[in-house]
C-alpha cells in the first residue's frame, strides 16, 4: 500500500489511466472495432496494469526489505533494490 502522499498520488494516477483505457476498450467493443484496434487497446491496458504492479511492488520491497536490512544494522541496500526492480520491471512489461 502506498503510504506517502506522492506514492499514493502516483498509484491513483496510474489506476485512473487504467480505468480510462478499460472504458475506451469497452466503447471500442460496443462499436465493433477491428480486432487490431482492440488488441492495441488491450496491450495498452496490460502495460498500464503492469506499471501499477511494478510501482506498488517497488514501494513494498523498499519498505519491507529496506527496513529489515536497516534494522539488522546494515545500511539500506538501495543499489541492490534498484537492480531487483529493474529486472522485475523488465519482466512485467
N, C-alpha and C. Protein backbone atom coordinates (compact mmCIF):
# COMPACT_ATOMS: atom_id res chain seq x y z
N UNK A 1 0.84 -1.18 0.00
CA UNK A 1 0.00 0.00 0.00
C UNK A 1 0.88 1.24 0.00
N UNK A 2 0.70 2.10 -0.94
CA UNK A 2 1.46 3.36 -0.94
C UNK A 2 1.10 4.20 0.27
N UNK A 3 2.10 4.58 1.04
CA UNK A 3 1.85 5.32 2.27
C UNK A 3 2.11 6.81 2.14
N UNK A 4 3.12 7.19 1.39
CA UNK A 4 3.42 8.62 1.28
C UNK A 4 2.42 9.27 0.32
N UNK A 5 2.17 10.55 0.49
CA UNK A 5 1.24 11.24 -0.41
C UNK A 5 1.66 11.16 -1.88
N UNK A 6 2.96 11.25 -2.16
CA UNK A 6 3.43 11.15 -3.55
C UNK A 6 3.20 9.76 -4.13
N UNK A 7 3.49 8.72 -3.33
CA UNK A 7 3.27 7.35 -3.80
C UNK A 7 1.79 7.10 -4.06
N UNK A 8 0.96 7.59 -3.14
CA UNK A 8 -0.49 7.40 -3.29
C UNK A 8 -0.99 8.13 -4.54
N UNK A 9 -0.50 9.34 -4.78
CA UNK A 9 -0.91 10.11 -5.95
C UNK A 9 -0.51 9.40 -7.24
N UNK A 10 0.73 8.87 -7.28
CA UNK A 10 1.18 8.15 -8.47
C UNK A 10 0.34 6.89 -8.73
N UNK A 11 0.04 6.16 -7.66
CA UNK A 11 -0.76 4.94 -7.81
C UNK A 11 -2.17 5.27 -8.30
N UNK A 12 -2.77 6.30 -7.73
CA UNK A 12 -4.12 6.69 -8.17
C UNK A 12 -4.13 7.20 -9.61
N UNK A 13 -3.09 7.92 -10.00
CA UNK A 13 -2.99 8.39 -11.37
C UNK A 13 -2.92 7.22 -12.33
N UNK A 14 -2.10 6.24 -12.00
CA UNK A 14 -2.00 5.04 -12.85
C UNK A 14 -3.33 4.29 -12.90
N UNK A 15 -3.99 4.20 -11.76
CA UNK A 15 -5.27 3.49 -11.71
C UNK A 15 -6.33 4.21 -12.54
N UNK A 16 -6.33 5.52 -12.49
CA UNK A 16 -7.28 6.28 -13.31
C UNK A 16 -6.99 6.10 -14.80
N UNK A 17 -5.72 6.00 -15.15
CA UNK A 17 -5.35 5.75 -16.55
C UNK A 17 -5.87 4.38 -16.98
N UNK A 18 -5.72 3.39 -16.11
CA UNK A 18 -6.22 2.04 -16.40
C UNK A 18 -7.73 2.07 -16.59
N UNK A 19 -8.41 2.79 -15.72
CA UNK A 19 -9.87 2.91 -15.81
C UNK A 19 -10.27 3.52 -17.15
N UNK A 20 -9.60 4.58 -17.55
CA UNK A 20 -9.88 5.22 -18.83
C UNK A 20 -9.64 4.29 -20.00
N UNK A 21 -8.57 3.52 -19.93
CA UNK A 21 -8.27 2.57 -21.01
C UNK A 21 -9.31 1.47 -21.07
N UNK A 22 -9.77 1.01 -19.91
CA UNK A 22 -10.80 -0.03 -19.88
C UNK A 22 -12.12 0.50 -20.47
N UNK A 23 -12.44 1.73 -20.14
CA UNK A 23 -13.66 2.34 -20.70
C UNK A 23 -13.54 2.52 -22.21
N UNK A 24 -12.36 2.91 -22.69
CA UNK A 24 -12.14 3.05 -24.13
C UNK A 24 -12.25 1.69 -24.83
N UNK A 25 -11.75 0.67 -24.20
CA UNK A 25 -11.85 -0.68 -24.76
C UNK A 25 -13.31 -1.12 -24.82
N UNK A 26 -14.05 -0.83 -23.79
CA UNK A 26 -15.48 -1.18 -23.78
C UNK A 26 -16.22 -0.47 -24.92
N UNK A 27 -15.94 0.82 -25.10
CA UNK A 27 -16.58 1.57 -26.19
C UNK A 27 -16.18 0.99 -27.55
N UNK A 28 -14.93 0.61 -27.69
CA UNK A 28 -14.46 0.04 -28.96
C UNK A 28 -15.16 -1.28 -29.27
N UNK A 29 -15.35 -2.09 -28.26
CA UNK A 29 -16.04 -3.38 -28.46
C UNK A 29 -17.50 -3.12 -28.83
N UNK A 30 -18.14 -2.19 -28.13
CA UNK A 30 -19.53 -1.86 -28.44
C UNK A 30 -19.66 -1.32 -29.86
N UNK A 31 -18.65 -0.59 -30.32
CA UNK A 31 -18.67 -0.02 -31.67
C UNK A 31 -18.21 -1.03 -32.73
N UNK A 32 -17.93 -2.25 -32.30
CA UNK A 32 -17.48 -3.31 -33.19
C UNK A 32 -16.21 -2.93 -33.96
N UNK A 33 -15.24 -2.41 -33.21
CA UNK A 33 -13.96 -2.02 -33.79
C UNK A 33 -13.22 -3.25 -34.30
N UNK A 34 -12.28 -3.01 -35.20
CA UNK A 34 -11.46 -4.08 -35.76
C UNK A 34 -10.63 -4.74 -34.66
N UNK A 35 -10.29 -5.99 -34.86
CA UNK A 35 -9.50 -6.74 -33.88
C UNK A 35 -8.15 -6.08 -33.61
N UNK A 36 -7.51 -5.53 -34.63
CA UNK A 36 -6.22 -4.87 -34.44
C UNK A 36 -6.31 -3.72 -33.46
N UNK A 37 -7.38 -2.94 -33.56
CA UNK A 37 -7.59 -1.82 -32.65
C UNK A 37 -7.81 -2.34 -31.23
N UNK A 38 -8.61 -3.38 -31.10
CA UNK A 38 -8.88 -3.96 -29.78
C UNK A 38 -7.60 -4.51 -29.16
N UNK A 39 -6.80 -5.21 -29.96
CA UNK A 39 -5.56 -5.77 -29.45
C UNK A 39 -4.60 -4.69 -28.97
N UNK A 40 -4.56 -3.59 -29.70
CA UNK A 40 -3.70 -2.48 -29.31
C UNK A 40 -4.17 -1.89 -27.98
N UNK A 41 -5.47 -1.73 -27.81
CA UNK A 41 -6.00 -1.20 -26.55
C UNK A 41 -5.79 -2.17 -25.40
N UNK A 42 -5.94 -3.45 -25.67
CA UNK A 42 -5.70 -4.46 -24.63
C UNK A 42 -4.23 -4.44 -24.20
N UNK A 43 -3.33 -4.31 -25.16
CA UNK A 43 -1.90 -4.24 -24.84
C UNK A 43 -1.60 -3.01 -23.99
N UNK A 44 -2.21 -1.88 -24.32
CA UNK A 44 -2.01 -0.67 -23.53
C UNK A 44 -2.54 -0.85 -22.11
N UNK A 45 -3.68 -1.48 -21.98
CA UNK A 45 -4.28 -1.75 -20.68
C UNK A 45 -3.39 -2.68 -19.86
N UNK A 46 -2.89 -3.69 -20.51
CA UNK A 46 -1.98 -4.63 -19.84
C UNK A 46 -0.70 -3.93 -19.38
N UNK A 47 -0.15 -3.07 -20.23
CA UNK A 47 1.05 -2.32 -19.86
C UNK A 47 0.80 -1.40 -18.68
N UNK A 48 -0.34 -0.76 -18.67
CA UNK A 48 -0.68 0.15 -17.57
C UNK A 48 -0.83 -0.64 -16.26
N UNK A 49 -1.46 -1.80 -16.32
CA UNK A 49 -1.61 -2.63 -15.13
C UNK A 49 -0.25 -3.13 -14.65
N UNK A 50 0.62 -3.49 -15.58
CA UNK A 50 1.97 -3.91 -15.21
C UNK A 50 2.75 -2.77 -14.58
N UNK A 51 2.55 -1.55 -15.07
CA UNK A 51 3.20 -0.39 -14.48
C UNK A 51 2.74 -0.14 -13.05
N UNK A 52 1.44 -0.29 -12.82
CA UNK A 52 0.91 -0.14 -11.46
C UNK A 52 1.47 -1.24 -10.55
N UNK A 53 1.51 -2.45 -11.06
CA UNK A 53 2.07 -3.57 -10.29
C UNK A 53 3.52 -3.28 -9.92
N UNK A 54 4.32 -2.82 -10.86
CA UNK A 54 5.72 -2.52 -10.61
C UNK A 54 5.87 -1.40 -9.59
N UNK A 55 5.04 -0.38 -9.69
CA UNK A 55 5.10 0.75 -8.76
C UNK A 55 4.82 0.31 -7.33
N UNK A 56 3.75 -0.46 -7.14
CA UNK A 56 3.38 -0.92 -5.79
C UNK A 56 4.40 -1.93 -5.28
N UNK A 57 4.91 -2.79 -6.15
CA UNK A 57 5.94 -3.75 -5.76
C UNK A 57 7.21 -3.05 -5.33
N UNK A 58 7.59 -2.02 -6.05
CA UNK A 58 8.77 -1.22 -5.69
C UNK A 58 8.61 -0.62 -4.30
N UNK A 59 7.46 -0.03 -4.03
CA UNK A 59 7.19 0.56 -2.72
C UNK A 59 7.27 -0.51 -1.64
N UNK A 60 6.64 -1.64 -1.90
CA UNK A 60 6.61 -2.73 -0.92
C UNK A 60 8.01 -3.25 -0.62
N UNK A 61 8.80 -3.50 -1.67
CA UNK A 61 10.15 -4.01 -1.46
C UNK A 61 11.01 -3.02 -0.67
N UNK A 62 10.91 -1.75 -1.04
CA UNK A 62 11.73 -0.75 -0.35
C UNK A 62 11.32 -0.61 1.11
N UNK A 63 10.02 -0.73 1.39
CA UNK A 63 9.57 -0.63 2.78
C UNK A 63 9.92 -1.87 3.58
N UNK A 64 9.62 -3.05 3.05
CA UNK A 64 9.83 -4.26 3.83
C UNK A 64 11.29 -4.70 3.87
N UNK A 65 11.92 -4.83 2.72
CA UNK A 65 13.31 -5.29 2.70
C UNK A 65 14.24 -4.20 3.19
N UNK A 66 14.00 -2.97 2.75
CA UNK A 66 14.85 -1.86 3.19
C UNK A 66 14.84 -1.68 4.69
N UNK A 67 13.65 -1.76 5.30
CA UNK A 67 13.57 -1.63 6.75
C UNK A 67 14.19 -2.82 7.47
N UNK A 68 14.00 -4.01 6.90
CA UNK A 68 14.57 -5.20 7.52
C UNK A 68 16.10 -5.15 7.52
N UNK A 69 16.65 -4.71 6.40
CA UNK A 69 18.11 -4.61 6.31
C UNK A 69 18.62 -3.53 7.26
N UNK A 70 17.91 -2.40 7.30
CA UNK A 70 18.30 -1.32 8.20
C UNK A 70 18.19 -1.73 9.66
N UNK A 71 17.18 -2.53 10.00
CA UNK A 71 17.01 -2.99 11.38
C UNK A 71 18.10 -3.97 11.79
N UNK A 72 18.65 -4.67 10.81
CA UNK A 72 19.72 -5.63 11.10
C UNK A 72 21.06 -4.95 11.30
N UNK A 73 21.10 -3.64 11.12
CA UNK A 73 22.33 -2.90 11.35
C UNK A 73 23.11 -2.58 10.09
N UNK A 74 22.71 -3.16 8.98
CA UNK A 74 23.39 -2.86 7.71
C UNK A 74 22.74 -1.64 7.07
N UNK A 75 23.50 -0.89 6.31
CA UNK A 75 22.88 0.24 5.61
C UNK A 75 21.90 -0.25 4.55
N UNK A 76 20.82 0.49 4.29
CA UNK A 76 19.87 0.06 3.27
C UNK A 76 20.58 -0.16 1.92
N UNK A 77 20.26 -1.25 1.27
CA UNK A 77 20.91 -1.64 0.03
C UNK A 77 20.13 -1.09 -1.16
N UNK A 78 20.18 0.21 -1.35
CA UNK A 78 19.42 0.85 -2.41
C UNK A 78 19.84 0.37 -3.79
N UNK A 79 21.13 0.20 -4.01
CA UNK A 79 21.61 -0.26 -5.32
C UNK A 79 21.08 -1.65 -5.65
N UNK A 80 21.07 -2.52 -4.65
CA UNK A 80 20.58 -3.88 -4.87
C UNK A 80 19.08 -3.87 -5.16
N UNK A 81 18.34 -3.04 -4.41
CA UNK A 81 16.90 -2.95 -4.66
C UNK A 81 16.63 -2.36 -6.05
N UNK A 82 17.44 -1.40 -6.47
CA UNK A 82 17.28 -0.83 -7.81
C UNK A 82 17.50 -1.91 -8.86
N UNK A 83 18.49 -2.75 -8.68
CA UNK A 83 18.77 -3.82 -9.64
C UNK A 83 17.62 -4.83 -9.69
N UNK A 84 17.09 -5.18 -8.53
CA UNK A 84 15.96 -6.12 -8.47
C UNK A 84 14.75 -5.52 -9.19
N UNK A 85 14.47 -4.25 -8.92
CA UNK A 85 13.32 -3.62 -9.55
C UNK A 85 13.49 -3.49 -11.05
N UNK A 86 14.70 -3.27 -11.52
CA UNK A 86 14.95 -3.19 -12.96
C UNK A 86 14.60 -4.52 -13.61
N UNK A 87 15.01 -5.60 -12.99
CA UNK A 87 14.70 -6.94 -13.52
C UNK A 87 13.19 -7.18 -13.50
N UNK A 88 12.54 -6.85 -12.40
CA UNK A 88 11.11 -7.08 -12.29
C UNK A 88 10.32 -6.21 -13.27
N UNK A 89 10.72 -4.96 -13.45
CA UNK A 89 10.02 -4.09 -14.41
C UNK A 89 10.14 -4.66 -15.82
N UNK A 90 11.32 -5.20 -16.15
CA UNK A 90 11.50 -5.81 -17.47
C UNK A 90 10.58 -7.02 -17.62
N UNK A 91 10.46 -7.82 -16.58
CA UNK A 91 9.60 -9.00 -16.61
C UNK A 91 8.13 -8.61 -16.74
N UNK A 92 7.73 -7.54 -16.07
CA UNK A 92 6.31 -7.16 -16.06
C UNK A 92 5.86 -6.48 -17.35
N UNK A 93 6.79 -6.12 -18.23
CA UNK A 93 6.38 -5.46 -19.49
C UNK A 93 5.70 -6.41 -20.42
